[in-house]
Amino acid sequence: MSMMKEFKEFAVKGNVVDLAVGVIIGGAFGKIVTSFVSDIVMPPLGMAMGKVNFTDLFIDLSGKGFTSLKAAKDAGAPVISYGVFINTVIDFTIIAFVIFLVIKQINRLKKEPTPAPPNTKDCPFCCSPVPIPARRCPHCTSEFP
């Protein structure tokens, strides 16, 4: 089979469309969680920790003593923005937890397929598989009781 045919089969199966929808929804959900963390979770947490704005926490590597992260970035100074990193870690944790809950619920809703009833039985004489309605074993020709 040519590579083009294989790709067409892959793309038409629907898995690619499902994946694309998942990526788009995931991106939108990520923006919601980022807003939730930045605008709802971090302000009260900063207040509880002594009126700290996590997005302004940084280490100035230039040694010039910038008073804000914006001023340091505007000057092009090298900085370690550990406050933004903390926000990102909290974003990731919330997204991972929500995805865990969603997958857990999806798995709970999935029903295990019921196994098909057996259509063969073992011959009591030669132990070969025989169709259930059979009266004689096709392998050893024994009659069933």
Protein backbone atom coordinates (compact mmCIF):
# COMPACT_ATOMS: atom_id res chain seq x y z
CA MET A 1 0.00 0.00 0.00
CA SER A 2 1.36 3.40 -0.90
CA MET A 3 2.12 5.96 1.76
CA MET A 4 -0.54 8.32 0.38
CA LYS A 5 -3.24 5.62 0.69
CA GLU A 6 -2.13 4.84 4.25
CA PHE A 7 -2.28 8.52 5.18
CA LYS A 8 -5.74 8.87 3.60
CA GLU A 9 -7.02 5.88 5.60
CA PHE A 10 -5.52 7.33 8.78
CA ALA A 11 -7.03 10.77 8.18
CA VAL A 12 -10.46 9.46 7.20
CA LYS A 13 -10.86 7.12 10.18
CA GLY A 14 -12.03 9.99 12.36
CA ASN A 15 -9.22 9.72 14.90
CA VAL A 16 -7.48 12.73 13.38
CA VAL A 17 -10.65 14.81 13.63
CA ASP A 18 -11.16 13.69 17.24
CA LEU A 19 -7.57 14.60 18.02
CA ALA A 20 -7.92 18.03 16.40
CA VAL A 21 -11.09 18.76 18.36
CA GLY A 22 -9.35 17.64 21.56
CA VAL A 23 -6.38 19.91 20.91
CA ILE A 24 -8.61 22.92 20.21
CA ILE A 25 -10.77 22.32 23.29
CA GLY A 26 -7.65 21.66 25.36
CA GLY A 27 -6.13 24.98 24.25
CA ALA A 28 -9.28 26.85 25.18
CA PHE A 29 -9.48 25.01 28.50
CA GLY A 30 -5.85 25.92 29.17
CA LYS A 31 -6.67 29.59 28.72
CA ILE A 32 -9.58 29.27 31.15
CA VAL A 33 -7.37 27.61 33.75
CA THR A 34 -4.62 30.20 33.26
CA SER A 35 -7.15 32.97 33.83
CA PHE A 36 -8.54 31.11 36.84
CA VAL A 37 -5.10 30.77 38.40
CA SER A 38 -3.89 34.29 37.55
CA ASP A 39 -7.09 36.17 38.31
CA ILE A 40 -8.83 34.12 41.03
CA VAL A 41 -6.41 31.78 42.85
CA MET A 42 -3.19 33.80 43.02
CA PRO A 43 -4.52 37.17 44.31
CA PRO A 44 -5.99 35.70 47.54
CA LEU A 45 -2.92 33.47 47.92
CA GLY A 46 -0.69 36.54 47.50
CA MET A 47 -2.76 38.44 50.08
CA ALA A 48 -2.46 35.55 52.53
CA MET A 49 1.31 35.52 52.05
CA GLY A 50 1.73 39.22 52.83
CA LYS A 51 0.41 41.03 49.75
CA VAL A 52 2.76 39.28 47.31
CA ASN A 53 2.09 39.51 43.56
CA PHE A 54 3.56 36.29 42.21
CA THR A 55 3.90 37.61 38.66
CA ASP A 56 6.31 40.29 39.96
CA LEU A 57 8.64 37.84 41.73
CA PHE A 58 11.96 37.67 39.92
CA ILE A 59 15.70 37.54 40.37
CA ASP A 60 17.66 40.26 38.57
CA LEU A 61 20.79 38.65 37.12
CA SER A 62 22.23 41.96 35.88
CA GLY A 63 22.67 43.34 39.41
CA LYS A 64 21.19 46.74 38.48
CA GLY A 65 18.43 46.48 41.10
CA PHE A 66 15.28 46.82 39.02
CA THR A 67 12.16 47.38 41.11
CA SER A 68 9.75 45.47 38.88
CA LEU A 69 9.85 42.63 36.41
CA LYS A 70 8.42 44.89 33.70
CA ALA A 71 11.21 47.44 34.18
CA ALA A 72 13.87 44.72 34.02
CA LYS A 73 12.37 43.19 30.86
CA ASP A 74 11.97 46.61 29.23
CA ALA A 75 15.67 47.27 29.88
CA GLY A 76 16.54 43.86 28.42
CA ALA A 77 18.11 42.67 31.66
CA PRO A 78 18.43 38.93 32.22
CA VAL A 79 15.99 37.77 34.89
CA ILE A 80 14.69 34.58 36.42
CA SER A 81 10.89 34.99 36.61
CA TYR A 82 10.19 32.44 39.31
CA GLY A 83 6.80 33.99 40.14
CA VAL A 84 5.55 33.32 36.60
CA PHE A 85 6.98 29.80 36.93
CA ILE A 86 4.97 29.25 40.13
CA ASN A 87 1.81 30.36 38.28
CA THR A 88 2.61 27.97 35.44
CA VAL A 89 3.17 25.05 37.83
CA ILE A 90 -0.19 25.75 39.48
CA ASP A 91 -1.83 25.96 36.01
CA PHE A 92 -0.35 22.59 35.08
CA THR A 93 -1.41 20.99 38.35
CA ILE A 94 -5.01 22.14 37.96
CA ILE A 95 -5.17 21.05 34.30
CA ALA A 96 -3.63 17.65 35.10
CA PHE A 97 -6.08 17.14 37.99
CA VAL A 98 -9.11 18.05 35.86
CA ILE A 99 -7.96 15.77 33.03
CA PHE A 100 -7.48 13.00 35.60
CA LEU A 101 -11.06 13.50 36.82
CA VAL A 102 -12.48 13.56 33.28
CA ILE A 103 -10.61 10.40 32.23
CA LYS A 104 -11.68 8.69 35.46
CA GLN A 105 -15.34 9.49 34.71
CA ILE A 106 -15.05 8.39 31.08
CA ASN A 107 -13.51 5.08 32.15
CA ARG A 108 -16.29 4.64 34.71
CA LEU A 109 -18.95 5.16 32.05
CA LYS A 110 -17.38 2.70 29.64
CA LYS A 111 -19.02 -0.67 29.99
CA GLU A 112 -17.01 -3.78 29.52
CA PRO A 113 -18.31 -5.70 26.51
CA THR A 114 -20.11 -8.86 27.55
CA PRO A 115 -18.21 -11.90 26.40
CA ALA A 116 -19.86 -13.90 23.65
CA PRO A 117 -21.39 -17.17 24.78
CA PRO A 118 -19.18 -20.15 23.99
CA ASN A 119 -19.95 -21.88 20.72
CA THR A 120 -17.79 -24.94 21.34
CA LYS A 121 -17.30 -27.55 24.02
CA ASP A 122 -14.45 -29.97 24.62
CA CYS A 123 -14.79 -33.58 23.60
CA PRO A 124 -14.68 -35.68 26.82
CA PHE A 125 -12.58 -38.32 25.05
CA CYS A 126 -9.95 -36.43 23.02
CA CYS A 127 -10.33 -32.90 24.47
CA SER A 128 -10.69 -31.33 21.01
CA PRO A 129 -13.04 -28.38 20.55
CA VAL A 130 -16.41 -29.45 19.13
CA PRO A 131 -19.45 -27.32 18.19
CA ILE A 132 -22.02 -27.36 21.01
CA PRO A 133 -24.89 -28.93 19.00
CA ALA A 134 -22.65 -31.81 17.75
CA ARG A 135 -23.53 -35.38 18.81
CA ARG A 136 -20.28 -36.91 17.59
CA CYS A 137 -16.68 -35.67 17.76
CA PRO A 138 -15.30 -34.97 14.27
CA HIS A 139 -11.77 -35.75 15.49
CA CYS A 140 -12.12 -39.05 17.34
CA THR A 141 -15.66 -39.96 16.17
CA SER A 142 -16.82 -40.66 19.72
CA GLU A 143 -20.51 -40.22 20.46
CA PHE A 144 -21.52 -37.79 23.17
CA PRO A 145 -23.86 -38.91 25.91
